[in-house]
PDB file of N, CA and C in Angstrom:
ATOM      1  N   MET A   1     108.306 164.102  32.201  1.00  0.00           N
ATOM      2  CA  MET A   1     109.305 163.493  33.052  1.00  0.00           C
ATOM      3  C   MET A   1     110.695 163.795  32.525  1.00  0.00           C
ATOM      4  N   LYS A   2     111.555 164.008  33.450  1.00  0.00           N
ATOM      5  CA  LYS A   2     112.921 164.296  33.086  1.00  0.00           C
ATOM      6  C   LYS A   2     113.718 163.009  33.006  1.00  0.00           C
ATOM      7  N   LYS A   3     114.877 163.100  32.413  1.00  0.00           N
ATOM      8  CA  LYS A   3     115.758 161.942  32.251  1.00  0.00           C
ATOM      9  C   LYS A   3     116.175 161.394  33.610  1.00  0.00           C
ATOM     10  N   ARG A   4     116.406 162.281  34.573  1.00  0.00           N
ATOM     11  CA  ARG A   4     116.791 161.870  35.922  1.00  0.00           C
ATOM     12  C   ARG A   4     115.689 161.051  36.593  1.00  0.00           C
ATOM     13  N   ASP A   5     114.436 161.429  36.403  1.00  0.00           N
ATOM     14  CA  ASP A   5     113.304 160.712  36.990  1.00  0.00           C
ATOM     15  C   ASP A   5     113.217 159.291  36.426  1.00  0.00           C
ATOM     16  N   ILE A   6     113.408 159.160  35.141  1.00  0.00           N
ATOM     17  CA  ILE A   6     113.353 157.842  34.495  1.00  0.00           C
ATOM     18  C   ILE A   6     114.485 156.955  35.012  1.00  0.00           C
ATOM     19  N   LEU A   7     115.676 157.512  35.117  1.00  0.00           N
ATOM     20  CA  LEU A   7     116.805 156.737  35.642  1.00  0.00           C
ATOM     21  C   LEU A   7     116.567 156.317  37.095  1.00  0.00           C
ATOM     22  N   LEU A   8     115.967 157.183  37.888  1.00  0.00           N
ATOM     23  CA  LEU A   8     115.664 156.862  39.276  1.00  0.00           C
ATOM     24  C   LEU A   8     114.645 155.720  39.357  1.00  0.00           C
ATOM     25  N   ILE A   9     113.600 155.778  38.554  1.00  0.00           N
ATOM     26  CA  ILE A   9     112.575 154.727  38.542  1.00  0.00           C
ATOM     27  C   ILE A   9     113.175 153.400  38.091  1.00  0.00           C
ATOM     28  N   VAL A  10     113.976 153.399  37.051  1.00  0.00           N
ATOM     29  CA  VAL A  10     114.624 152.179  36.566  1.00  0.00           C
ATOM     30  C   VAL A  10     115.561 151.619  37.636  1.00  0.00           C
ATOM     31  N   GLY A  11     116.304 152.478  38.296  1.00  0.00           N
ATOM     32  CA  GLY A  11     117.208 152.039  39.361  1.00  0.00           C
ATOM     33  C   GLY A  11     116.460 151.393  40.513  1.00  0.00           C
ATOM     34  N   ILE A  12     115.337 151.983  40.905  1.00  0.00           N
ATOM     35  CA  ILE A  12     114.528 151.418  41.992  1.00  0.00           C
ATOM     36  C   ILE A  12     113.966 150.056  41.576  1.00  0.00           C
ATOM     37  N   LEU A  13     113.498 149.928  40.334  1.00  0.00           N
ATOM     38  CA  LEU A  13     112.968 148.649  39.856  1.00  0.00           C
ATOM     39  C   LEU A  13     114.050 147.566  39.824  1.00  0.00           C
ATOM     40  N   ILE A  14     115.247 147.918  39.424  1.00  0.00           N
ATOM     41  CA  ILE A  14     116.352 146.951  39.389  1.00  0.00           C
ATOM     42  C   ILE A  14     116.715 146.521  40.810  1.00  0.00           C
ATOM     43  N   LEU A  15     116.761 147.476  41.726  1.00  0.00           N
ATOM     44  CA  LEU A  15     117.062 147.162  43.119  1.00  0.00           C
ATOM     45  C   LEU A  15     115.982 146.270  43.723  1.00  0.00           C
ATOM     46  N   ALA A  16     114.720 146.572  43.448  1.00  0.00           N
ATOM     47  CA  ALA A  16     113.614 145.755  43.971  1.00  0.00           C
ATOM     48  C   ALA A  16     113.679 144.326  43.421  1.00  0.00           C
ATOM     49  N   ALA A  17     113.974 144.183  42.130  1.00  0.00           N
ATOM     50  CA  ALA A  17     114.085 142.847  41.531  1.00  0.00           C
ATOM     51  C   ALA A  17     115.261 142.081  42.136  1.00  0.00           C
ATOM     52  N   ALA A  18     116.382 142.740  42.342  1.00  0.00           N
ATOM     53  CA  ALA A  18     117.552 142.081  42.930  1.00  0.00           C
ATOM     54  C   ALA A  18     117.254 141.615  44.353  1.00  0.00           C
ATOM     55  N   LEU A  19     116.588 142.445  45.135  1.00  0.00           N
ATOM     56  CA  LEU A  19     116.226 142.055  46.499  1.00  0.00           C
ATOM     57  C   LEU A  19     115.246 140.888  46.507  1.00  0.00           C
ATOM     58  N   PHE A  20     114.242 140.931  45.631  1.00  0.00           N
ATOM     59  CA  PHE A  20     113.251 139.862  45.566  1.00  0.00           C
ATOM     60  C   PHE A  20     113.900 138.524  45.233  1.00  0.00           C
ATOM     61  N   PHE A  21     114.696 138.480  44.169  1.00  0.00           N
ATOM     62  CA  PHE A  21     115.310 137.223  43.764  1.00  0.00           C
ATOM     63  C   PHE A  21     116.418 136.794  44.717  1.00  0.00           C
ATOM     64  N   GLY A  22     117.094 137.728  45.340  1.00  0.00           N
ATOM     65  CA  GLY A  22     118.124 137.384  46.311  1.00  0.00           C
ATOM     66  C   GLY A  22     117.535 136.722  47.544  1.00  0.00           C
ATOM     67  N   VAL A  23     116.451 137.269  48.083  1.00  0.00           N
ATOM     68  CA  VAL A  23     115.792 136.681  49.247  1.00  0.00           C
ATOM     69  C   VAL A  23     115.208 135.319  48.876  1.00  0.00           C
ATOM     70  N   LYS A  24     114.595 135.215  47.721  1.00  0.00           N
ATOM     71  CA  LYS A  24     114.020 133.936  47.286  1.00  0.00           C
ATOM     72  C   LYS A  24     115.113 132.882  47.137  1.00  0.00           C
ATOM     73  N   TYR A  25     116.268 133.248  46.603  1.00  0.00           N
ATOM     74  CA  TYR A  25     117.380 132.321  46.428  1.00  0.00           C
ATOM     75  C   TYR A  25     117.919 131.858  47.781  1.00  0.00           C
ATOM     76  N   LEU A  26     118.127 132.774  48.709  1.00  0.00           N
ATOM     77  CA  LEU A  26     118.661 132.423  50.023  1.00  0.00           C
ATOM     78  C   LEU A  26     117.681 131.571  50.818  1.00  0.00           C
ATOM     79  N   ALA A  27     116.403 131.864  50.753  1.00  0.00           N
ATOM     80  CA  ALA A  27     115.403 131.075  51.479  1.00  0.00           C
ATOM     81  C   ALA A  27     115.297 129.680  50.891  1.00  0.00           C
ATOM     82  N   GLY A  28     115.441 129.551  49.608  1.00  0.00           N
ATOM     83  CA  GLY A  28     115.367 128.238  48.960  1.00  0.00           C
ATOM     84  C   GLY A  28     116.523 127.343  49.333  1.00  0.00           C
ATOM     85  N   ASN A  29     117.718 127.881  49.516  1.00  0.00           N
ATOM     86  CA  ASN A  29     118.882 127.063  49.862  1.00  0.00           C
ATOM     87  C   ASN A  29     118.805 126.524  51.274  1.00  0.00           C
ATOM     88  N   GLY A  30     118.265 127.248  52.207  1.00  0.00           N
ATOM     89  CA  GLY A  30     118.230 126.805  53.582  1.00  0.00           C
ATOM     90  C   GLY A  30     117.123 125.808  53.887  1.00  0.00           C
ATOM     91  N   SER A  31     116.104 125.701  53.038  1.00  0.00           N
ATOM     92  CA  SER A  31     114.941 124.894  53.364  1.00  0.00           C
ATOM     93  C   SER A  31     115.114 123.416  53.024  1.00  0.00           C
ATOM     94  N   THR A  32     116.172 123.019  52.343  1.00  0.00           N
ATOM     95  CA  THR A  32     116.314 121.628  51.944  1.00  0.00           C
ATOM     96  C   THR A  32     116.895 120.752  53.046  1.00  0.00           C
ATOM     97  N   ALA A  33     117.570 121.309  54.018  1.00  0.00           N
ATOM     98  CA  ALA A  33     118.187 120.520  55.079  1.00  0.00           C
ATOM     99  C   ALA A  33     117.122 120.022  56.053  1.00  0.00           C
ATOM    100  N   VAL A  34     117.270 118.779  56.467  1.00  0.00           N
ATOM    101  CA  VAL A  34     116.375 118.207  57.457  1.00  0.00           C
ATOM    102  C   VAL A  34     116.846 118.666  58.828  1.00  0.00           C
ATOM    103  N   LYS A  35     115.950 119.239  59.590  1.00  0.00           N
ATOM    104  CA  LYS A  35     116.304 119.769  60.898  1.00  0.00           C
ATOM    105  C   LYS A  35     115.899 118.787  61.985  1.00  0.00           C
ATOM    106  N   GLY A  36     116.746 118.663  62.980  1.00  0.00           N
ATOM    107  CA  GLY A  36     116.463 117.783  64.102  1.00  0.00           C
ATOM    108  C   GLY A  36     117.720 117.058  64.535  1.00  0.00           C
ATOM    109  N   TYR A  37     117.519 116.000  65.338  1.00  0.00           N
ATOM    110  CA  TYR A  37     118.664 115.248  65.828  1.00  0.00           C
ATOM    111  C   TYR A  37     118.278 113.804  66.096  1.00  0.00           C
ATOM    112  N   VAL A  38     119.301 112.978  66.277  1.00  0.00           N
ATOM    113  CA  VAL A  38     119.130 111.576  66.621  1.00  0.00           C
ATOM    114  C   VAL A  38     119.763 111.374  67.989  1.00  0.00           C
ATOM    115  N   SER A  39     118.998 110.825  68.905  1.00  0.00           N
ATOM    116  CA  SER A  39     119.511 110.509  70.230  1.00  0.00           C
ATOM    117  C   SER A  39     119.680 108.991  70.318  1.00  0.00           C
ATOM    118  N   VAL A  40     120.886 108.544  70.643  1.00  0.00           N
ATOM    119  CA  VAL A  40     121.175 107.123  70.798  1.00  0.00           C
ATOM    120  C   VAL A  40     121.362 106.857  72.284  1.00  0.00           C
ATOM    121  N   THR A  41     120.543 105.962  72.833  1.00  0.00           N
ATOM    122  CA  THR A  41     120.675 105.602  74.240  1.00  0.00           C
ATOM    123  C   THR A  41     121.083 104.142  74.356  1.00  0.00           C
ATOM    124  N   VAL A  42     121.920 103.872  75.332  1.00  0.00           N
ATOM    125  CA  VAL A  42     122.365 102.516  75.647  1.00  0.00           C
ATOM    126  C   VAL A  42     122.096 102.306  77.132  1.00  0.00           C
ATOM    127  N   ASN A  43     121.361 101.241  77.433  1.00  0.00           N
ATOM    128  CA  ASN A  43     120.984 100.958  78.828  1.00  0.00           C
ATOM    129  C   ASN A  43     120.323 102.174  79.487  1.00  0.00           C
ATOM    130  N   SER A  44     119.438 102.820  78.752  1.00  0.00           N
ATOM    131  CA  SER A  44     118.636 103.967  79.223  1.00  0.00           C
ATOM    132  C   SER A  44     119.443 105.237  79.499  1.00  0.00           C
ATOM    133  N   ARG A  45     120.677 105.304  79.025  1.00  0.00           N
ATOM    134  CA  ARG A  45     121.483 106.524  79.176  1.00  0.00           C
ATOM    135  C   ARG A  45     121.867 107.031  77.794  1.00  0.00           C
ATOM    136  N   GLU A  46     121.758 108.349  77.622  1.00  0.00           N
ATOM    137  CA  GLU A  46     122.103 108.897  76.311  1.00  0.00           C
ATOM    138  C   GLU A  46     123.587 108.684  76.041  1.00  0.00           C
ATOM    139  N   TRP A  47     123.871 108.072  74.915  1.00  0.00           N
ATOM    140  CA  TRP A  47     125.234 107.734  74.504  1.00  0.00           C
ATOM    141  C   TRP A  47     125.807 108.846  73.631  1.00  0.00           C
ATOM    142  N   VAL A  48     124.989 109.286  72.647  1.00  0.00           N
ATOM    143  CA  VAL A  48     125.426 110.328  71.720  1.00  0.00           C
ATOM    144  C   VAL A  48     124.186 110.997  71.132  1.00  0.00           C
ATOM    145  N   ARG A  49     124.367 112.243  70.714  1.00  0.00           N
ATOM    146  CA  ARG A  49     123.320 112.992  70.013  1.00  0.00           C
ATOM    147  C   ARG A  49     123.930 113.475  68.699  1.00  0.00           C
ATOM    148  N   LEU A  50     123.266 113.144  67.577  1.00  0.00           N
ATOM    149  CA  LEU A  50     123.787 113.456  66.244  1.00  0.00           C
ATOM    150  C   LEU A  50     122.812 114.350  65.489  1.00  0.00           C
ATOM    151  N   PRO A  51     123.301 115.352  64.755  1.00  0.00           N
ATOM    152  CA  PRO A  51     122.411 116.210  63.959  1.00  0.00           C
ATOM    153  C   PRO A  51     121.920 115.471  62.711  1.00  0.00           C
ATOM    154  N   LEU A  52     120.668 115.735  62.335  1.00  0.00           N
ATOM    155  CA  LEU A  52     120.090 115.088  61.151  1.00  0.00           C
ATOM    156  C   LEU A  52     120.601 115.680  59.842  1.00  0.00           C
ATOM    157  N   ASP A  53     121.077 116.908  59.866  1.00  0.00           N
ATOM    158  CA  ASP A  53     121.481 117.556  58.618  1.00  0.00           C
ATOM    159  C   ASP A  53     122.914 117.252  58.208  1.00  0.00           C
ATOM    160  N   GLU A  54     123.585 116.338  58.926  1.00  0.00           N
ATOM    161  CA  GLU A  54     124.946 115.939  58.568  1.00  0.00           C
ATOM    162  C   GLU A  54     124.980 114.429  58.348  1.00  0.00           C
ATOM    163  N   PRO A  55     125.086 113.976  57.090  1.00  0.00           N
ATOM    164  CA  PRO A  55     125.154 112.534  56.844  1.00  0.00           C
ATOM    165  C   PRO A  55     126.342 111.918  57.593  1.00  0.00           C
ATOM    166  N   THR A  56     126.093 110.816  58.273  1.00  0.00           N
ATOM    167  CA  THR A  56     127.143 110.197  59.061  1.00  0.00           C
ATOM    168  C   THR A  56     126.829 108.736  59.328  1.00  0.00           C
ATOM    169  N   THR A  57     127.843 108.002  59.689  1.00  0.00           N
ATOM    170  CA  THR A  57     127.705 106.637  60.178  1.00  0.00           C
ATOM    171  C   THR A  57     128.398 106.591  61.528  1.00  0.00           C
ATOM    172  N   TYR A  58     127.655 106.183  62.535  1.00  0.00           N
ATOM    173  CA  TYR A  58     128.186 106.159  63.897  1.00  0.00           C
ATOM    174  C   TYR A  58     128.071 104.736  64.441  1.00  0.00           C
ATOM    175  N   VAL A  59     129.156 104.217  64.996  1.00  0.00           N
ATOM    176  CA  VAL A  59     129.162 102.873  65.552  1.00  0.00           C
ATOM    177  C   VAL A  59     129.192 102.952  67.074  1.00  0.00           C
ATOM    178  N   VAL A  60     128.222 102.287  67.703  1.00  0.00           N
ATOM    179  CA  VAL A  60     128.181 102.179  69.157  1.00  0.00           C
ATOM    180  C   VAL A  60     128.951 100.909  69.526  1.00  0.00           C
ATOM    181  N   HIS A  61     130.098 101.083  70.169  1.00  0.00           N
ATOM    182  CA  HIS A  61     130.916  99.964  70.650  1.00  0.00           C
ATOM    183  C   HIS A  61     130.714  99.857  72.159  1.00  0.00           C
ATOM    184  N   GLN A  62     130.123  98.765  72.611  1.00  0.00           N
ATOM    185  CA  GLN A  62     129.937  98.570  74.042  1.00  0.00           C
ATOM    186  C   GLN A  62     131.042  97.674  74.603  1.00  0.00           C
ATOM    187  N   THR A  63     131.281  97.763  75.900  1.00  0.00           N
ATOM    188  CA  THR A  63     132.355  96.986  76.524  1.00  0.00           C
ATOM    189  C   THR A  63     132.099  95.487  76.486  1.00  0.00           C
ATOM    190  N   ASN A  64     130.837  95.075  76.346  1.00  0.00           N
ATOM    191  CA  ASN A  64     130.516  93.649  76.271  1.00  0.00           C
ATOM    192  C   ASN A  64     130.662  93.091  74.854  1.00  0.00           C
ATOM    193  N   GLY A  65     131.134  93.914  73.914  1.00  0.00           N
ATOM    194  CA  GLY A  65     131.338  93.472  72.540  1.00  0.00           C
ATOM    195  C   GLY A  65     130.172  93.765  71.610  1.00  0.00           C
ATOM    196  N   ALA A  66     129.048  94.218  72.137  1.00  0.00           N
ATOM    197  CA  ALA A  66     127.886  94.537  71.312  1.00  0.00           C
ATOM    198  C   ALA A  66     128.175  95.776  70.466  1.00  0.00           C
ATOM    199  N   GLU A  67     127.692  95.732  69.222  1.00  0.00           N
ATOM    200  CA  GLU A  67     127.879  96.864  68.300  1.00  0.00           C
ATOM    201  C   GLU A  67     126.616  97.124  67.512  1.00  0.00           C
ATOM    202  N   ASN A  68     126.334  98.394  67.295  1.00  0.00           N
ATOM    203  CA  ASN A  68     125.263  98.832  66.403  1.00  0.00           C
ATOM    204  C   ASN A  68     125.803  99.973  65.562  1.00  0.00           C
ATOM    205  N   THR A  69     125.527  99.923  64.269  1.00  0.00           N
ATOM    206  CA  THR A  69     125.936 100.991  63.363  1.00  0.00           C
ATOM    207  C   THR A  69     124.705 101.780  62.963  1.00  0.00           C
ATOM    208  N   ILE A  70     124.678 103.059  63.341  1.00  0.00           N
ATOM    209  CA  ILE A  70     123.568 103.947  63.022  1.00  0.00           C
ATOM    210  C   ILE A  70     123.993 104.818  61.848  1.00  0.00           C
ATOM    211  N   THR A  71     123.136 104.877  60.831  1.00  0.00           N
ATOM    212  CA  THR A  71     123.434 105.652  59.631  1.00  0.00           C
ATOM    213  C   THR A  71     122.409 106.757  59.455  1.00  0.00           C
ATOM    214  N   ILE A  72     122.899 107.953  59.155  1.00  0.00           N
ATOM    215  CA  ILE A  72     122.057 109.084  58.757  1.00  0.00           C
ATOM    216  C   ILE A  72     122.493 109.436  57.344  1.00  0.00           C
ATOM    217  N   ASP A  73     121.583 109.300  56.374  1.00  0.00           N
ATOM    218  CA  ASP A  73     121.977 109.579  54.997  1.00  0.00           C
ATOM    219  C   ASP A  73     121.744 111.044  54.634  1.00  0.00           C
ATOM    220  N   GLU A  74     122.055 111.402  53.392  1.00  0.00           N
ATOM    221  CA  GLU A  74     121.988 112.803  52.964  1.00  0.00           C
ATOM    222  C   GLU A  74     120.568 113.359  52.932  1.00  0.00           C
ATOM    223  N   ASN A  75     119.543 112.485  52.984  1.00  0.00           N
ATOM    224  CA  ASN A  75     118.157 112.940  53.007  1.00  0.00           C
ATOM    225  C   ASN A  75     117.597 113.026  54.422  1.00  0.00           C
ATOM    226  N   GLY A  76     118.438 112.759  55.426  1.00  0.00           N
ATOM    227  CA  GLY A  76     117.986 112.787  56.800  1.00  0.00           C
ATOM    228  C   GLY A  76     117.281 111.515  57.235  1.00  0.00           C
ATOM    229  N   GLU A  77     117.422 110.444  56.456  1.00  0.00           N
ATOM    230  CA  GLU A  77     116.838 109.157  56.827  1.00  0.00           C
ATOM    231  C   GLU A  77     117.775 108.458  57.806  1.00  0.00           C
ATOM    232  N   VAL A  78     117.196 107.844  58.833  1.00  0.00           N
ATOM    233  CA  VAL A  78     117.967 107.212  59.890  1.00  0.00           C
ATOM    234  C   VAL A  78     117.647 105.727  59.922  1.00  0.00           C
ATOM    235  N   TYR A  79     118.680 104.901  60.056  1.00  0.00           N
ATOM    236  CA  TYR A  79     118.474 103.457  60.153  1.00  0.00           C
ATOM    237  C   TYR A  79     119.682 102.803  60.798  1.00  0.00           C
ATOM    238  N   ILE A  80     119.485 101.590  61.295  1.00  0.00           N
ATOM    239  CA  ILE A  80     120.596 100.795  61.806  1.00  0.00           C
ATOM    240  C   ILE A  80     121.036  99.902  60.656  1.00  0.00           C
ATOM    241  N   SER A  81     122.247 100.085  60.199  1.00  0.00           N
ATOM    242  CA  SER A  81     122.747  99.352  59.044  1.00  0.00           C
ATOM    243  C   SER A  81     123.455  98.055  59.433  1.00  0.00           C
ATOM    244  N   HIS A  82     123.860  97.937  60.699  1.00  0.00           N
ATOM    245  CA  HIS A  82     124.522  96.710  61.169  1.00  0.00           C
ATOM    246  C   HIS A  82     124.336  96.582  62.668  1.00  0.00           C
ATOM    247  N   ALA A  83     124.155  95.342  63.115  1.00  0.00           N
ATOM    248  CA  ALA A  83     124.072  95.075  64.547  1.00  0.00           C
ATOM    249  C   ALA A  83     124.703  93.719  64.825  1.00  0.00           C
ATOM    250  N   SER A  84     125.313  93.595  65.985  1.00  0.00           N
ATOM    251  CA  SER A  84     125.972  92.345  66.352  1.00  0.00           C
ATOM    252  C   SER A  84     125.014  91.332  66.966  1.00  0.00           C
ATOM    253  N   CYS A  85     123.763  91.700  67.174  1.00  0.00           N
ATOM    254  CA  CYS A  85     122.788  90.783  67.769  1.00  0.00           C
ATOM    255  C   CYS A  85     122.399  89.690  66.771  1.00  0.00           C
ATOM    256  N   ASP A  86     121.866  88.587  67.300  1.00  0.00           N
ATOM    257  CA  ASP A  86     121.524  87.442  66.464  1.00  0.00           C
ATOM    258  C   ASP A  86     120.284  87.657  65.603  1.00  0.00           C
ATOM    259  N   ASN A  87     119.252  88.300  66.151  1.00  0.00           N
ATOM    260  CA  ASN A  87     117.974  88.349  65.428  1.00  0.00           C
ATOM    261  C   ASN A  87     117.881  89.432  64.352  1.00  0.00           C
ATOM    262  N   GLN A  88     118.681  90.478  64.407  1.00  0.00           N
ATOM    263  CA  GLN A  88     118.720  91.550  63.402  1.00  0.00           C
ATOM    264  C   GLN A  88     117.386  92.289  63.238  1.00  0.00           C
ATOM    265  N   ASP A  89     116.532  92.224  64.252  1.00  0.00           N
ATOM    266  CA  ASP A  89     115.245  92.926  64.173  1.00  0.00           C
ATOM    267  C   ASP A  89     115.429  94.430  63.986  1.00  0.00           C
ATOM    268  N   CYS A  90     116.423  94.999  64.648  1.00  0.00           N
ATOM    269  CA  CYS A  90     116.642  96.442  64.539  1.00  0.00           C
ATOM    270  C   CYS A  90     117.038  96.845  63.115  1.00  0.00           C
ATOM    271  N   VAL A  91     117.788  96.007  62.442  1.00  0.00           N
ATOM    272  CA  VAL A  91     118.178  96.288  61.052  1.00  0.00           C
ATOM    273  C   VAL A  91     116.960  96.207  60.144  1.00  0.00           C
ATOM    274  N   GLU A  92     116.084  95.265  60.431  1.00  0.00           N
ATOM    275  CA  GLU A  92     114.897  95.056  59.600  1.00  0.00           C
ATOM    276  C   GLU A  92     113.786  96.064  59.866  1.00  0.00           C
ATOM    277  N   GLN A  93     113.927  96.887  60.895  1.00  0.00           N
ATOM    278  CA  GLN A  93     112.892  97.891  61.187  1.00  0.00           C
ATOM    279  C   GLN A  93     112.860  99.007  60.156  1.00  0.00           C
ATOM    280  N   GLY A  94     113.882  99.096  59.336  1.00  0.00           N
ATOM    281  CA  GLY A  94     113.877 100.044  58.233  1.00  0.00           C
ATOM    282  C   GLY A  94     114.270 101.459  58.626  1.00  0.00           C
ATOM    283  N   HIS A  95     113.967 102.363  57.712  1.00  0.00           N
ATOM    284  CA  HIS A  95     114.371 103.762  57.827  1.00  0.00           C
ATOM    285  C   HIS A  95     113.308 104.571  58.563  1.00  0.00           C
ATOM    286  N   VAL A  96     113.757 105.526  59.352  1.00  0.00           N
ATOM    287  CA  VAL A  96     112.872 106.530  59.941  1.00  0.00           C
ATOM    288  C   VAL A  96     113.067 107.798  59.125  1.00  0.00           C
ATOM    289  N   THR A  97     111.979 108.293  58.548  1.00  0.00           N
ATOM    290  CA  THR A  97     112.027 109.526  57.764  1.00  0.00           C
ATOM    291  C   THR A  97     110.967 110.485  58.288  1.00  0.00           C
ATOM    292  N   GLU A  98     111.096 111.721  57.898  1.00  0.00           N
ATOM    293  CA  GLU A  98     110.099 112.711  58.296  1.00  0.00           C
ATOM    294  C   GLU A  98     108.733 112.369  57.714  1.00  0.00           C
ATOM    295  N   ASP A  99     108.726 111.722  56.545  1.00  0.00           N
ATOM    296  CA  ASP A  99     107.467 111.373  55.884  1.00  0.00           C
ATOM    297  C   ASP A  99     106.795 110.139  56.475  1.00  0.00           C
ATOM    298  N   ASN A 100     107.569 109.176  57.000  1.00  0.00           N
ATOM    299  CA  ASN A 100     106.952 107.935  57.472  1.00  0.00           C
ATOM    300  C   ASN A 100     106.860 107.807  58.984  1.00  0.00           C
ATOM    301  N   VAL A 101     107.311 108.794  59.717  1.00  0.00           N
ATOM    302  CA  VAL A 101     107.383 108.686  61.176  1.00  0.00           C
ATOM    303  C   VAL A 101     106.010 108.439  61.806  1.00  0.00           C
ATOM    304  N   GLU A 102     104.966 108.967  61.240  1.00  0.00           N
ATOM    305  CA  GLU A 102     103.623 108.794  61.798  1.00  0.00           C
ATOM    306  C   GLU A 102     103.021 107.430  61.482  1.00  0.00           C
ATOM    307  N   THR A 103     103.522 106.734  60.474  1.00  0.00           N
ATOM    308  CA  THR A 103     102.937 105.456  60.064  1.00  0.00           C
ATOM    309  C   THR A 103     103.751 104.242  60.494  1.00  0.00           C
ATOM    310  N   ARG A 104     104.947 104.444  61.010  1.00  0.00           N
ATOM    311  CA  ARG A 104     105.759 103.324  61.486  1.00  0.00           C
ATOM    312  C   ARG A 104     105.208 102.801  62.802  1.00  0.00           C
ATOM    313  N   VAL A 105     105.368 101.501  63.023  1.00  0.00           N
ATOM    314  CA  VAL A 105     104.893 100.893  64.264  1.00  0.00           C
ATOM    315  C   VAL A 105     105.581 101.529  65.474  1.00  0.00           C
ATOM    316  N   LEU A 106     106.879 101.700  65.419  1.00  0.00           N
ATOM    317  CA  LEU A 106     107.621 102.315  66.522  1.00  0.00           C
ATOM    318  C   LEU A 106     107.799 103.817  66.339  1.00  0.00           C
ATOM    319  N   MET A 107     107.098 104.377  65.389  1.00  0.00           N
ATOM    320  CA  MET A 107     107.113 105.799  65.062  1.00  0.00           C
ATOM    321  C   MET A 107     108.539 106.332  64.875  1.00  0.00           C
ATOM    322  N   ASN A 108     109.068 107.092  65.835  1.00  0.00           N
ATOM    323  CA  ASN A 108     110.365 107.738  65.647  1.00  0.00           C
ATOM    324  C   ASN A 108     111.517 106.965  66.293  1.00  0.00           C
ATOM    325  N   GLN A 109     111.311 105.683  66.599  1.00  0.00           N
ATOM    326  CA  GLN A 109     112.364 104.921  67.269  1.00  0.00           C
ATOM    327  C   GLN A 109     112.742 103.653  66.508  1.00  0.00           C
ATOM    328  N   ILE A 110     113.989 103.259  66.689  1.00  0.00           N
ATOM    329  CA  ILE A 110     114.499 101.960  66.267  1.00  0.00           C
ATOM    330  C   ILE A 110     115.088 101.338  67.532  1.00  0.00           C
ATOM    331  N   ILE A 111     114.679 100.103  67.832  1.00  0.00           N
ATOM    332  CA  ILE A 111     115.072  99.489  69.099  1.00  0.00           C
ATOM    333  C   ILE A 111     115.803  98.176  68.842  1.00  0.00           C
ATOM    334  N   CYS A 112     116.940  98.032  69.511  1.00  0.00           N
ATOM    335  CA  CYS A 112     117.697  96.776  69.505  1.00  0.00           C
ATOM    336  C   CYS A 112     117.665  96.236  70.936  1.00  0.00           C
ATOM    337  N   LEU A 113     116.731  95.325  71.213  1.00  0.00           N
ATOM    338  CA  LEU A 113     116.581  94.801  72.573  1.00  0.00           C
ATOM    339  C   LEU A 113     117.798  94.020  73.055  1.00  0.00           C
ATOM    340  N   PRO A 114     118.385  93.120  72.239  1.00  0.00           N
ATOM    341  CA  PRO A 114     119.531  92.367  72.747  1.00  0.00           C
ATOM    342  C   PRO A 114     120.709  93.241  73.167  1.00  0.00           C
ATOM    343  N   ASN A 115     120.917  94.363  72.472  1.00  0.00           N
ATOM    344  CA  ASN A 115     122.046  95.245  72.791  1.00  0.00           C
ATOM    345  C   ASN A 115     121.636  96.426  73.674  1.00  0.00           C
ATOM    346  N   ASN A 116     120.355  96.510  74.037  1.00  0.00           N
ATOM    347  CA  ASN A 116     119.825  97.613  74.853  1.00  0.00           C
ATOM    348  C   ASN A 116     120.092  98.982  74.230  1.00  0.00           C
ATOM    349  N   VAL A 117     119.906  99.071  72.922  1.00  0.00           N
ATOM    350  CA  VAL A 117     120.132 100.330  72.199  1.00  0.00           C
ATOM    351  C   VAL A 117     118.789 100.838  71.673  1.00  0.00           C
ATOM    352  N   VAL A 118     118.536 102.123  71.902  1.00  0.00           N
ATOM    353  CA  VAL A 118     117.352 102.775  71.375  1.00  0.00           C
ATOM    354  C   VAL A 118     117.794 104.000  70.590  1.00  0.00           C
ATOM    355  N   VAL A 119     117.363 104.081  69.338  1.00  0.00           N
ATOM    356  CA  VAL A 119     117.643 105.223  68.471  1.00  0.00           C
ATOM    357  C   VAL A 119     116.345 106.011  68.359  1.00  0.00           C
ATOM    358  N   THR A 120     116.360 107.277  68.793  1.00  0.00           N
ATOM    359  CA  THR A 120     115.177 108.121  68.746  1.00  0.00           C
ATOM    360  C   THR A 120     115.465 109.301  67.826  1.00  0.00           C
ATOM    361  N   VAL A 121     114.604 109.483  66.817  1.00  0.00           N
ATOM    362  CA  VAL A 121     114.756 110.558  65.843  1.00  0.00           C
ATOM    363  C   VAL A 121     113.790 111.674  66.198  1.00  0.00           C
ATOM    364  N   MET A 122     114.318 112.872  66.374  1.00  0.00           N
ATOM    365  CA  MET A 122     113.502 114.033  66.711  1.00  0.00           C
ATOM    366  C   MET A 122     113.587 115.047  65.575  1.00  0.00           C
ATOM    367  N   PHE A 123     112.461 115.269  64.897  1.00  0.00           N
ATOM    368  CA  PHE A 123     112.399 116.231  63.802  1.00  0.00           C
ATOM    369  C   PHE A 123     111.919 117.568  64.335  1.00  0.00           C
ATOM    370  N   ASP A 124     112.581 118.658  63.929  1.00  0.00           N
ATOM    371  CA  ASP A 124     112.121 120.001  64.267  1.00  0.00           C
ATOM    372  C   ASP A 124     111.016 120.354  63.303  1.00  0.00           C
ATOM    373  N   LYS A 125     109.954 120.870  63.834  1.00  0.00           N
ATOM    374  CA  LYS A 125     108.808 121.265  62.980  1.00  0.00           C
ATOM    375  C   LYS A 125     108.770 122.751  62.844  1.00  0.00           C
TER     376      LYS A 125
END
């Protein structure tokens, strides 16, 4: 083998390793975000649609004074953190996560009956 052949083989191996680790690095960064959205309906009409991959707190202010605060945290967990209703059942329904959606009583929804608010979490599979 000539010196040129050895340099060519080493160059190809370095390029192959760089491509392998580069693709693995890029694929690993994109897979941590929770994909999907949250649909908030008031009186059976969609009020707002929020992406799951952006942590946010959204307050639904209704003209009758009713309020619900919907929170999406950095892990894609969705919950109602505050409500103006008396019974607070919607706050006590807890978090909707990709891991617990199948075992929750209301599955992918959080419902506030007094304020007519329904929070529906849709995960992309």
